PDB file of all heavy atoms in Angstrom:
ATOM      1  N   MET A   1     122.524 106.174 143.195  1.00  0.00           N
ATOM      2  CA  MET A   1     121.294 106.524 142.670  1.00  0.00           C
ATOM      3  C   MET A   1     120.351 105.257 142.561  1.00  0.00           C
ATOM      4  O   MET A   1     119.119 105.320 142.846  1.00  0.00           O
ATOM      5  CB  MET A   1     121.348 106.988 141.181  1.00  0.00           C
ATOM      6  CG  MET A   1     120.001 107.139 140.507  1.00  0.00           C
ATOM      7  SD  MET A   1     120.261 107.844 138.727  1.00  0.00           S
ATOM      8  CE  MET A   1     120.305 109.675 139.247  1.00  0.00           C
ATOM      9  N   ILE A   2     120.953 104.114 142.236  1.00  0.00           N
ATOM     10  CA  ILE A   2     120.168 102.880 142.212  1.00  0.00           C
ATOM     11  C   ILE A   2     120.849 101.792 143.105  1.00  0.00           C
ATOM     12  O   ILE A   2     122.032 101.652 143.166  1.00  0.00           O
ATOM     13  CB  ILE A   2     120.254 102.251 140.779  1.00  0.00           C
ATOM     14  CG1 ILE A   2     119.281 103.157 139.890  1.00  0.00           C
ATOM     15  CG2 ILE A   2     119.838 100.873 140.693  1.00  0.00           C
ATOM     16  CD1 ILE A   2     119.366 102.943 138.398  1.00  0.00           C
ATOM     17  N   LYS A   3     120.054 101.083 143.903  1.00  0.00           N
ATOM     18  CA  LYS A   3     120.590 100.007 144.674  1.00  0.00           C
ATOM     19  C   LYS A   3     119.523  98.875 144.674  1.00  0.00           C
ATOM     20  O   LYS A   3     118.235  99.132 144.949  1.00  0.00           O
ATOM     21  CB  LYS A   3     120.816 100.469 146.089  1.00  0.00           C
ATOM     22  CG  LYS A   3     121.501  99.368 146.891  1.00  0.00           C
ATOM     23  CD  LYS A   3     121.801  99.951 148.319  1.00  0.00           C
ATOM     24  CE  LYS A   3     122.551  98.857 149.200  1.00  0.00           C
ATOM     25  NZ  LYS A   3     122.961  99.410 150.435  1.00  0.00           N
ATOM     26  N   THR A   4     119.829  97.671 144.312  1.00  0.00           N
ATOM     27  CA  THR A   4     118.951  96.529 144.423  1.00  0.00           C
ATOM     28  C   THR A   4     119.463  95.536 145.343  1.00  0.00           C
ATOM     29  O   THR A   4     120.710  95.359 145.529  1.00  0.00           O
ATOM     30  CB  THR A   4     118.736  95.903 143.027  1.00  0.00           C
ATOM     31  OG1 THR A   4     120.010  95.154 142.616  1.00  0.00           O
ATOM     32  CG2 THR A   4     118.405  96.900 142.056  1.00  0.00           C
ATOM     33  N   GLN A   5     118.521  94.867 146.090  1.00  0.00           N
ATOM     34  CA  GLN A   5     118.916  93.852 146.990  1.00  0.00           C
ATOM     35  C   GLN A   5     118.117  92.563 146.728  1.00  0.00           C
ATOM     36  O   GLN A   5     116.915  92.493 146.815  1.00  0.00           O
ATOM     37  CB  GLN A   5     118.587  94.321 148.492  1.00  0.00           C
ATOM     38  CG  GLN A   5     119.550  95.393 148.926  1.00  0.00           C
ATOM     39  CD  GLN A   5     119.274  96.011 150.238  1.00  0.00           C
ATOM     40  OE1 GLN A   5     118.144  95.766 150.828  1.00  0.00           O
ATOM     41  NE2 GLN A   5     120.254  96.567 150.861  1.00  0.00           N
ATOM     42  N   ASN A   6     118.785  91.453 146.343  1.00  0.00           N
ATOM     43  CA  ASN A   6     118.190  90.215 146.063  1.00  0.00           C
ATOM     44  C   ASN A   6     117.037  90.260 145.147  1.00  0.00           C
ATOM     45  O   ASN A   6     116.035  89.725 145.365  1.00  0.00           O
ATOM     46  CB  ASN A   6     117.752  89.531 147.362  1.00  0.00           C
ATOM     47  CG  ASN A   6     118.941  89.131 148.227  1.00  0.00           C
ATOM     48  OD1 ASN A   6     119.892  88.685 147.727  1.00  0.00           O
ATOM     49  ND2 ASN A   6     118.806  89.314 149.541  1.00  0.00           N
ATOM     50  N   LEU A   7     117.230  91.162 144.125  1.00  0.00           N
ATOM     51  CA  LEU A   7     116.054  91.392 143.118  1.00  0.00           C
ATOM     52  C   LEU A   7     115.817  90.157 142.315  1.00  0.00           C
ATOM     53  O   LEU A   7     116.817  89.674 141.543  1.00  0.00           O
ATOM     54  CB  LEU A   7     116.475  92.646 142.322  1.00  0.00           C
ATOM     55  CG  LEU A   7     115.324  93.287 141.624  1.00  0.00           C
ATOM     56  CD1 LEU A   7     114.479  94.108 142.591  1.00  0.00           C
ATOM     57  CD2 LEU A   7     115.905  94.334 140.608  1.00  0.00           C
ATOM     58  N   SER A   8     114.677  89.630 142.317  1.00  0.00           N
ATOM     59  CA  SER A   8     114.276  88.557 141.493  1.00  0.00           C
ATOM     60  C   SER A   8     112.925  88.835 140.653  1.00  0.00           C
ATOM     61  O   SER A   8     112.065  89.518 141.129  1.00  0.00           O
ATOM     62  CB  SER A   8     114.103  87.360 142.356  1.00  0.00           C
ATOM     63  OG  SER A   8     115.308  86.921 143.058  1.00  0.00           O
ATOM     64  N   LYS A   9     112.916  88.090 139.594  1.00  0.00           N
ATOM     65  CA  LYS A   9     111.688  88.214 138.740  1.00  0.00           C
ATOM     66  C   LYS A   9     111.332  86.871 138.079  1.00  0.00           C
ATOM     67  O   LYS A   9     112.094  86.207 137.531  1.00  0.00           O
ATOM     68  CB  LYS A   9     111.842  89.198 137.519  1.00  0.00           C
ATOM     69  CG  LYS A   9     110.586  89.408 136.720  1.00  0.00           C
ATOM     70  CD  LYS A   9     109.514  90.063 137.554  1.00  0.00           C
ATOM     71  CE  LYS A   9     108.294  90.414 136.613  1.00  0.00           C
ATOM     72  NZ  LYS A   9     107.163  91.021 137.279  1.00  0.00           N
ATOM     73  N   ILE A  10     109.987  86.475 138.408  1.00  0.00           N
ATOM     74  CA  ILE A  10     109.658  85.121 137.849  1.00  0.00           C
ATOM     75  C   ILE A  10     108.344  85.456 136.941  1.00  0.00           C
ATOM     76  O   ILE A  10     107.494  86.217 137.250  1.00  0.00           O
ATOM     77  CB  ILE A  10     109.189  84.195 139.034  1.00  0.00           C
ATOM     78  CG1 ILE A  10     110.388  83.868 139.887  1.00  0.00           C
ATOM     79  CG2 ILE A  10     108.510  82.984 138.428  1.00  0.00           C
ATOM     80  CD1 ILE A  10     109.925  83.079 141.171  1.00  0.00           C
ATOM     81  N   PHE A  11     108.363  84.846 135.783  1.00  0.00           N
ATOM     82  CA  PHE A  11     107.333  84.923 134.873  1.00  0.00           C
ATOM     83  C   PHE A  11     106.568  83.565 134.818  1.00  0.00           C
ATOM     84  O   PHE A  11     107.309  82.654 134.499  1.00  0.00           O
ATOM     85  CB  PHE A  11     107.690  85.341 133.391  1.00  0.00           C
ATOM     86  CG  PHE A  11     108.200  86.667 133.380  1.00  0.00           C
ATOM     87  CD1 PHE A  11     109.590  86.898 133.148  1.00  0.00           C
ATOM     88  CD2 PHE A  11     107.392  87.804 133.260  1.00  0.00           C
ATOM     89  CE1 PHE A  11     110.174  88.236 133.095  1.00  0.00           C
ATOM     90  CE2 PHE A  11     107.881  89.115 133.181  1.00  0.00           C
ATOM     91  CZ  PHE A  11     109.241  89.317 133.016  1.00  0.00           C
ATOM     92  N   ALA A  12     105.360  83.484 135.295  1.00  0.00           N
ATOM     93  CA  ALA A  12     104.706  82.191 135.502  1.00  0.00           C
ATOM     94  C   ALA A  12     103.483  82.089 134.605  1.00  0.00           C
ATOM     95  O   ALA A  12     102.687  83.071 134.462  1.00  0.00           O
ATOM     96  CB  ALA A  12     104.320  82.003 136.957  1.00  0.00           C
ATOM     97  N   THR A  13     103.383  81.099 133.906  1.00  0.00           N
ATOM     98  CA  THR A  13     102.091  80.494 133.305  1.00  0.00           C
ATOM     99  C   THR A  13     101.581  79.303 133.817  1.00  0.00           C
ATOM    100  O   THR A  13     102.238  78.690 134.718  1.00  0.00           O
ATOM    101  CB  THR A  13     102.268  80.452 131.718  1.00  0.00           C
ATOM    102  OG1 THR A  13     103.137  79.299 131.575  1.00  0.00           O
ATOM    103  CG2 THR A  13     102.968  81.738 131.222  1.00  0.00           C
ATOM    104  N   LYS A  14     100.407  78.841 133.381  1.00  0.00           N
ATOM    105  CA  LYS A  14      99.956  77.485 133.917  1.00  0.00           C
ATOM    106  C   LYS A  14     100.879  76.329 133.524  1.00  0.00           C
ATOM    107  O   LYS A  14     100.928  75.350 134.252  1.00  0.00           O
ATOM    108  CB  LYS A  14      98.585  77.279 133.243  1.00  0.00           C
ATOM    109  CG  LYS A  14      97.462  78.099 133.722  1.00  0.00           C
ATOM    110  CD  LYS A  14      96.077  77.776 133.130  1.00  0.00           C
ATOM    111  CE  LYS A  14      95.004  78.709 133.524  1.00  0.00           C
ATOM    112  NZ  LYS A  14      93.756  78.383 132.929  1.00  0.00           N
ATOM    113  N   GLU A  15     101.606  76.507 132.292  1.00  0.00           N
ATOM    114  CA  GLU A  15     102.434  75.374 131.895  1.00  0.00           C
ATOM    115  C   GLU A  15     103.938  75.484 132.490  1.00  0.00           C
ATOM    116  O   GLU A  15     104.448  74.511 132.665  1.00  0.00           O
ATOM    117  CB  GLU A  15     102.553  75.517 130.391  1.00  0.00           C
ATOM    118  CG  GLU A  15     101.221  75.175 129.570  1.00  0.00           C
ATOM    119  CD  GLU A  15     100.312  76.325 129.540  1.00  0.00           C
ATOM    120  OE1 GLU A  15     100.695  77.403 129.771  1.00  0.00           O
ATOM    121  OE2 GLU A  15      99.048  76.033 129.494  1.00  0.00           O
ATOM    122  N   MET A  16     104.357  76.743 132.712  1.00  0.00           N
ATOM    123  CA  MET A  16     105.786  76.840 133.233  1.00  0.00           C
ATOM    124  C   MET A  16     106.042  78.029 133.944  1.00  0.00           C
ATOM    125  O   MET A  16     105.279  78.956 134.000  1.00  0.00           O
ATOM    126  CB  MET A  16     106.688  76.753 131.948  1.00  0.00           C
ATOM    127  CG  MET A  16     106.525  77.912 130.970  1.00  0.00           C
ATOM    128  SD  MET A  16     107.634  77.759 129.525  1.00  0.00           S
ATOM    129  CE  MET A  16     109.209  77.862 130.252  1.00  0.00           C
ATOM    130  N   GLU A  17     107.285  78.047 134.579  1.00  0.00           N
ATOM    131  CA  GLU A  17     107.678  79.141 135.394  1.00  0.00           C
ATOM    132  C   GLU A  17     109.166  79.483 134.941  1.00  0.00           C
ATOM    133  O   GLU A  17     109.915  78.593 134.973  1.00  0.00           O
ATOM    134  CB  GLU A  17     107.705  78.696 136.837  1.00  0.00           C
ATOM    135  CG  GLU A  17     108.076  79.881 137.852  1.00  0.00           C
ATOM    136  CD  GLU A  17     107.960  79.422 139.205  1.00  0.00           C
ATOM    137  OE1 GLU A  17     106.863  79.552 139.835  1.00  0.00           O
ATOM    138  OE2 GLU A  17     108.986  79.083 139.798  1.00  0.00           O
ATOM    139  N   THR A  18     109.365  80.802 134.538  1.00  0.00           N
ATOM    140  CA  THR A  18     110.622  81.200 134.119  1.00  0.00           C
ATOM    141  C   THR A  18     111.214  82.205 135.078  1.00  0.00           C
ATOM    142  O   THR A  18     110.569  83.240 135.341  1.00  0.00           O
ATOM    143  CB  THR A  18     110.488  81.875 132.714  1.00  0.00           C
ATOM    144  OG1 THR A  18     109.968  80.972 131.798  1.00  0.00           O
ATOM    145  CG2 THR A  18     111.904  82.385 132.238  1.00  0.00           C
ATOM    146  N   ARG A  19     112.415  81.902 135.615  1.00  0.00           N
ATOM    147  CA  ARG A  19     113.150  82.834 136.469  1.00  0.00           C
ATOM    148  C   ARG A  19     114.003  83.689 135.614  1.00  0.00           C
ATOM    149  O   ARG A  19     115.121  83.311 135.297  1.00  0.00           O
ATOM    150  CB  ARG A  19     113.912  82.028 137.547  1.00  0.00           C
ATOM    151  CG  ARG A  19     113.058  81.197 138.416  1.00  0.00           C
ATOM    152  CD  ARG A  19     113.884  80.491 139.531  1.00  0.00           C
ATOM    153  NE  ARG A  19     113.031  79.856 140.496  1.00  0.00           N
ATOM    154  CZ  ARG A  19     112.513  80.377 141.512  1.00  0.00           C
ATOM    155  NH1 ARG A  19     112.785  81.678 141.812  1.00  0.00           N
ATOM    156  NH2 ARG A  19     111.752  79.746 142.359  1.00  0.00           N
ATOM    157  N   ALA A  20     113.531  84.955 135.440  1.00  0.00           N
ATOM    158  CA  ALA A  20     114.268  85.886 134.541  1.00  0.00           C
ATOM    159  C   ALA A  20     115.379  86.589 135.305  1.00  0.00           C
ATOM    160  O   ALA A  20     116.461  86.905 134.654  1.00  0.00           O
ATOM    161  CB  ALA A  20     113.325  86.910 133.974  1.00  0.00           C
ATOM    162  N   LEU A  21     115.096  86.870 136.588  1.00  0.00           N
ATOM    163  CA  LEU A  21     116.207  87.424 137.366  1.00  0.00           C
ATOM    164  C   LEU A  21     116.456  86.589 138.773  1.00  0.00           C
ATOM    165  O   LEU A  21     115.417  86.198 139.282  1.00  0.00           O
ATOM    166  CB  LEU A  21     115.880  88.931 137.716  1.00  0.00           C
ATOM    167  CG  LEU A  21     115.817  89.887 136.610  1.00  0.00           C
ATOM    168  CD1 LEU A  21     115.362  91.299 137.117  1.00  0.00           C
ATOM    169  CD2 LEU A  21     117.079  90.032 135.795  1.00  0.00           C
ATOM    170  N   ARG A  22     117.646  86.449 139.114  1.00  0.00           N
ATOM    171  CA  ARG A  22     117.933  85.611 140.327  1.00  0.00           C
ATOM    172  C   ARG A  22     118.752  86.488 141.249  1.00  0.00           C
ATOM    173  O   ARG A  22     120.000  86.500 141.110  1.00  0.00           O
ATOM    174  CB  ARG A  22     118.614  84.431 139.883  1.00  0.00           C
ATOM    175  CG  ARG A  22     117.860  83.449 138.955  1.00  0.00           C
ATOM    176  CD  ARG A  22     118.676  82.404 138.334  1.00  0.00           C
ATOM    177  NE  ARG A  22     118.126  81.552 137.457  1.00  0.00           N
ATOM    178  CZ  ARG A  22     117.497  80.492 137.616  1.00  0.00           C
ATOM    179  NH1 ARG A  22     117.417  79.898 138.871  1.00  0.00           N
ATOM    180  NH2 ARG A  22     116.948  79.757 136.599  1.00  0.00           N
ATOM    181  N   LYS A  23     118.171  87.103 142.293  1.00  0.00           N
ATOM    182  CA  LYS A  23     118.783  87.733 143.395  1.00  0.00           C
ATOM    183  C   LYS A  23     119.897  88.637 142.906  1.00  0.00           C
ATOM    184  O   LYS A  23     121.135  88.486 143.192  1.00  0.00           O
ATOM    185  CB  LYS A  23     119.408  86.717 144.442  1.00  0.00           C
ATOM    186  CG  LYS A  23     118.294  85.867 145.144  1.00  0.00           C
ATOM    187  CD  LYS A  23     118.890  84.919 146.120  1.00  0.00           C
ATOM    188  CE  LYS A  23     117.681  84.146 146.838  1.00  0.00           C
ATOM    189  NZ  LYS A  23     118.258  83.260 147.812  1.00  0.00           N
ATOM    190  N   ILE A  24     119.531  89.631 142.192  1.00  0.00           N
ATOM    191  CA  ILE A  24     120.427  90.609 141.644  1.00  0.00           C
ATOM    192  C   ILE A  24     120.715  91.695 142.793  1.00  0.00           C
ATOM    193  O   ILE A  24     119.843  92.283 143.238  1.00  0.00           O
ATOM    194  CB  ILE A  24     119.797  91.414 140.454  1.00  0.00           C
ATOM    195  CG1 ILE A  24     119.521  90.443 139.288  1.00  0.00           C
ATOM    196  CG2 ILE A  24     120.781  92.564 139.950  1.00  0.00           C
ATOM    197  CD1 ILE A  24     120.819  89.851 138.599  1.00  0.00           C
ATOM    198  N   ASN A  25     122.059  91.817 143.048  1.00  0.00           N
ATOM    199  CA  ASN A  25     122.545  92.821 143.944  1.00  0.00           C
ATOM    200  C   ASN A  25     123.391  93.858 143.177  1.00  0.00           C
ATOM    201  O   ASN A  25     124.511  93.460 142.654  1.00  0.00           O
ATOM    202  CB  ASN A  25     123.309  92.286 145.119  1.00  0.00           C
ATOM    203  CG  ASN A  25     122.378  91.411 146.086  1.00  0.00           C
ATOM    204  OD1 ASN A  25     121.470  91.948 146.691  1.00  0.00           O
ATOM    205  ND2 ASN A  25     122.750  90.129 146.141  1.00  0.00           N
ATOM    206  N   LEU A  26     122.926  94.976 143.070  1.00  0.00           N
ATOM    207  CA  LEU A  26     123.560  96.006 142.179  1.00  0.00           C
ATOM    208  C   LEU A  26     123.438  97.405 142.819  1.00  0.00           C
ATOM    209  O   LEU A  26     122.568  97.765 143.378  1.00  0.00           O
ATOM    210  CB  LEU A  26     122.840  95.955 140.882  1.00  0.00           C
ATOM    211  CG  LEU A  26     123.114  96.958 139.685  1.00  0.00           C
ATOM    212  CD1 LEU A  26     124.608  96.776 139.295  1.00  0.00           C
ATOM    213  CD2 LEU A  26     122.250  96.933 138.540  1.00  0.00           C
ATOM    214  N   GLU A  27     124.560  98.130 142.543  1.00  0.00           N
ATOM    215  CA  GLU A  27     124.552  99.521 142.996  1.00  0.00           C
ATOM    216  C   GLU A  27     125.178 100.386 142.002  1.00  0.00           C
ATOM    217  O   GLU A  27     126.194 100.052 141.332  1.00  0.00           O
ATOM    218  CB  GLU A  27     125.492  99.732 144.329  1.00  0.00           C
ATOM    219  CG  GLU A  27     125.232 100.994 144.919  1.00  0.00           C
ATOM    220  CD  GLU A  27     125.669 101.089 146.366  1.00  0.00           C
ATOM    221  OE1 GLU A  27     126.035  99.983 146.935  1.00  0.00           O
ATOM    222  OE2 GLU A  27     125.674 102.257 146.994  1.00  0.00           O
ATOM    223  N   ILE A  28     124.463 101.470 141.509  1.00  0.00           N
ATOM    224  CA  ILE A  28     124.867 102.287 140.520  1.00  0.00           C
ATOM    225  C   ILE A  28     124.905 103.747 141.033  1.00  0.00           C
ATOM    226  O   ILE A  28     123.980 104.259 141.598  1.00  0.00           O
ATOM    227  CB  ILE A  28     123.954 102.232 139.307  1.00  0.00           C
ATOM    228  CG1 ILE A  28     123.820 100.866 138.822  1.00  0.00           C
ATOM    229  CG2 ILE A  28     124.402 103.181 138.175  1.00  0.00           C
ATOM    230  CD1 ILE A  28     122.669 100.745 137.738  1.00  0.00           C
ATOM    231  N   ASN A  29     126.102 104.402 140.837  1.00  0.00           N
ATOM    232  CA  ASN A  29     126.190 105.744 141.488  1.00  0.00           C
ATOM    233  C   ASN A  29     125.749 106.790 140.435  1.00  0.00           C
ATOM    234  O   ASN A  29     125.700 106.633 139.234  1.00  0.00           O
ATOM    235  CB  ASN A  29     127.769 105.981 141.627  1.00  0.00           C
ATOM    236  CG  ASN A  29     128.317 105.157 142.828  1.00  0.00           C
ATOM    237  OD1 ASN A  29     127.647 104.939 143.776  1.00  0.00           O
ATOM    238  ND2 ASN A  29     129.439 104.651 142.609  1.00  0.00           N
ATOM    239  N   LYS A  30     125.324 107.962 141.123  1.00  0.00           N
ATOM    240  CA  LYS A  30     124.903 109.108 140.290  1.00  0.00           C
ATOM    241  C   LYS A  30     125.959 109.611 139.430  1.00  0.00           C
ATOM    242  O   LYS A  30     127.167 109.673 139.833  1.00  0.00           O
ATOM    243  CB  LYS A  30     124.440 110.261 141.226  1.00  0.00           C
ATOM    244  CG  LYS A  30     123.759 111.363 140.465  1.00  0.00           C
ATOM    245  CD  LYS A  30     123.345 112.423 141.530  1.00  0.00           C
ATOM    246  CE  LYS A  30     122.700 113.563 140.895  1.00  0.00           C
ATOM    247  NZ  LYS A  30     122.210 114.577 141.789  1.00  0.00           N
ATOM    248  N   GLY A  31     125.650 109.736 138.136  1.00  0.00           N
ATOM    249  CA  GLY A  31     126.726 110.245 137.104  1.00  0.00           C
ATOM    250  C   GLY A  31     127.522 109.093 136.505  1.00  0.00           C
ATOM    251  O   GLY A  31     128.451 109.283 135.647  1.00  0.00           O
ATOM    252  N   GLU A  32     127.177 107.823 136.699  1.00  0.00           N
ATOM    253  CA  GLU A  32     127.916 106.702 136.256  1.00  0.00           C
ATOM    254  C   GLU A  32     127.245 106.347 134.894  1.00  0.00           C
ATOM    255  O   GLU A  32     126.229 106.522 134.533  1.00  0.00           O
ATOM    256  CB  GLU A  32     127.843 105.469 137.103  1.00  0.00           C
ATOM    257  CG  GLU A  32     128.718 104.305 136.745  1.00  0.00           C
ATOM    258  CD  GLU A  32     128.749 103.187 137.814  1.00  0.00           C
ATOM    259  OE1 GLU A  32     127.974 103.232 138.872  1.00  0.00           O
ATOM    260  OE2 GLU A  32     129.509 102.277 137.628  1.00  0.00           O
ATOM    261  N   PHE A  33     128.264 105.738 134.088  1.00  0.00           N
ATOM    262  CA  PHE A  33     127.785 105.199 132.712  1.00  0.00           C
ATOM    263  C   PHE A  33     128.120 103.760 132.815  1.00  0.00           C
ATOM    264  O   PHE A  33     129.197 103.212 132.801  1.00  0.00           O
ATOM    265  CB  PHE A  33     128.605 105.743 131.610  1.00  0.00           C
ATOM    266  CG  PHE A  33     128.037 105.462 130.225  1.00  0.00           C
ATOM    267  CD1 PHE A  33     128.312 106.307 129.189  1.00  0.00           C
ATOM    268  CD2 PHE A  33     127.237 104.308 129.954  1.00  0.00           C
ATOM    269  CE1 PHE A  33     127.767 105.988 127.824  1.00  0.00           C
ATOM    270  CE2 PHE A  33     126.787 104.013 128.714  1.00  0.00           C
ATOM    271  CZ  PHE A  33     127.105 104.858 127.680  1.00  0.00           C
ATOM    272  N   LEU A  34     126.976 102.861 132.921  1.00  0.00           N
ATOM    273  CA  LEU A  34     127.080 101.446 133.174  1.00  0.00           C
ATOM    274  C   LEU A  34     126.613 100.676 131.979  1.00  0.00           C
ATOM    275  O   LEU A  34     125.496 101.005 131.508  1.00  0.00           O
ATOM    276  CB  LEU A  34     126.362 101.030 134.415  1.00  0.00           C
ATOM    277  CG  LEU A  34     126.262  99.519 134.726  1.00  0.00           C
ATOM    278  CD1 LEU A  34     127.622  98.953 135.169  1.00  0.00           C
ATOM    279  CD2 LEU A  34     125.195  99.189 135.767  1.00  0.00           C
ATOM    280  N   ALA A  35     127.288  99.715 131.584  1.00  0.00           N
ATOM    281  CA  ALA A  35     126.897  98.844 130.445  1.00  0.00           C
ATOM    282  C   ALA A  35     126.702  97.414 131.008  1.00  0.00           C
ATOM    283  O   ALA A  35     127.444  96.941 131.840  1.00  0.00           O
ATOM    284  CB  ALA A  35     127.930  98.714 129.333  1.00  0.00           C
ATOM    285  N   ILE A  36     125.545  96.853 130.631  1.00  0.00           N
ATOM    286  CA  ILE A  36     125.221  95.364 131.019  1.00  0.00           C
ATOM    287  C   ILE A  36     125.233  94.598 129.796  1.00  0.00           C
ATOM    288  O   ILE A  36     124.471  94.785 128.857  1.00  0.00           O
ATOM    289  CB  ILE A  36     123.905  95.378 131.745  1.00  0.00           C
ATOM    290  CG1 ILE A  36     123.885  96.330 132.981  1.00  0.00           C
ATOM    291  CG2 ILE A  36     123.547  93.963 132.132  1.00  0.00           C
ATOM    292  CD1 ILE A  36     122.560  96.419 133.701  1.00  0.00           C
ATOM    293  N   MET A  37     126.050  93.543 129.792  1.00  0.00           N
ATOM    294  CA  MET A  37     126.219  92.604 128.630  1.00  0.00           C
ATOM    295  C   MET A  37     125.791  91.149 129.022  1.00  0.00           C
ATOM    296  O   MET A  37     125.749  90.900 130.116  1.00  0.00           O
ATOM    297  CB  MET A  37     127.686  92.615 128.030  1.00  0.00           C
ATOM    298  CG  MET A  37     128.143  94.085 127.667  1.00  0.00           C
ATOM    299  SD  MET A  37     129.698  93.852 126.883  1.00  0.00           S
ATOM    300  CE  MET A  37     129.143  93.193 125.276  1.00  0.00           C
ATOM    301  N   GLY A  38     125.443  90.556 127.874  1.00  0.00           N
ATOM    302  CA  GLY A  38     125.057  89.131 128.113  1.00  0.00           C
ATOM    303  C   GLY A  38     124.195  88.624 126.900  1.00  0.00           C
ATOM    304  O   GLY A  38     123.794  89.509 126.065  1.00  0.00           O
ATOM    305  N   PRO A  39     124.066  87.282 126.709  1.00  0.00           N
ATOM    306  CA  PRO A  39     123.381  86.769 125.648  1.00  0.00           C
ATOM    307  C   PRO A  39     121.877  87.115 125.720  1.00  0.00           C
ATOM    308  O   PRO A  39     121.365  87.396 126.698  1.00  0.00           O
ATOM    309  CB  PRO A  39     123.620  85.233 125.720  1.00  0.00           C
ATOM    310  CG  PRO A  39     123.896  85.069 127.212  1.00  0.00           C
ATOM    311  CD  PRO A  39     124.543  86.276 127.642  1.00  0.00           C
ATOM    312  N   SER A  40     121.212  86.863 124.600  1.00  0.00           N
ATOM    313  CA  SER A  40     119.730  87.063 124.488  1.00  0.00           C
ATOM    314  C   SER A  40     119.084  86.119 125.421  1.00  0.00           C
ATOM    315  O   SER A  40     119.546  84.979 125.743  1.00  0.00           O
ATOM    316  CB  SER A  40     119.232  86.753 123.114  1.00  0.00           C
ATOM    317  OG  SER A  40     119.703  87.627 122.158  1.00  0.00           O
ATOM    318  N   GLY A  41     118.064  86.697 126.262  1.00  0.00           N
ATOM    319  CA  GLY A  41     117.302  85.850 127.174  1.00  0.00           C
ATOM    320  C   GLY A  41     117.932  85.666 128.501  1.00  0.00           C
ATOM    321  O   GLY A  41     117.486  84.950 129.400  1.00  0.00           O
ATOM    322  N   CYS A  42     119.085  86.504 128.818  1.00  0.00           N
ATOM    323  CA  CYS A  42     119.760  86.366 130.127  1.00  0.00           C
ATOM    324  C   CYS A  42     119.129  87.196 131.183  1.00  0.00           C
ATOM    325  O   CYS A  42     119.476  87.040 132.392  1.00  0.00           O
ATOM    326  CB  CYS A  42     121.230  86.705 130.023  1.00  0.00           C
ATOM    327  SG  CYS A  42     121.520  88.449 129.683  1.00  0.00           S
ATOM    328  N   GLY A  43     118.165  88.132 130.873  1.00  0.00           N
ATOM    329  CA  GLY A  43     117.463  88.914 131.867  1.00  0.00           C
ATOM    330  C   GLY A  43     117.836  90.374 131.669  1.00  0.00           C
ATOM    331  O   GLY A  43     117.355  91.254 132.574  1.00  0.00           O
TER     332      GLY A  43
END
């Protein structure tokens, strides 16, 4: 159902650049129950 290839996200301001996602490769099948864990601010 879901497939990502090298998915990246950058939030940029005049002062700084934040790389929120770095080349995410992910595949999720139809009917799956997926949990994504990690600390606050990890994306």
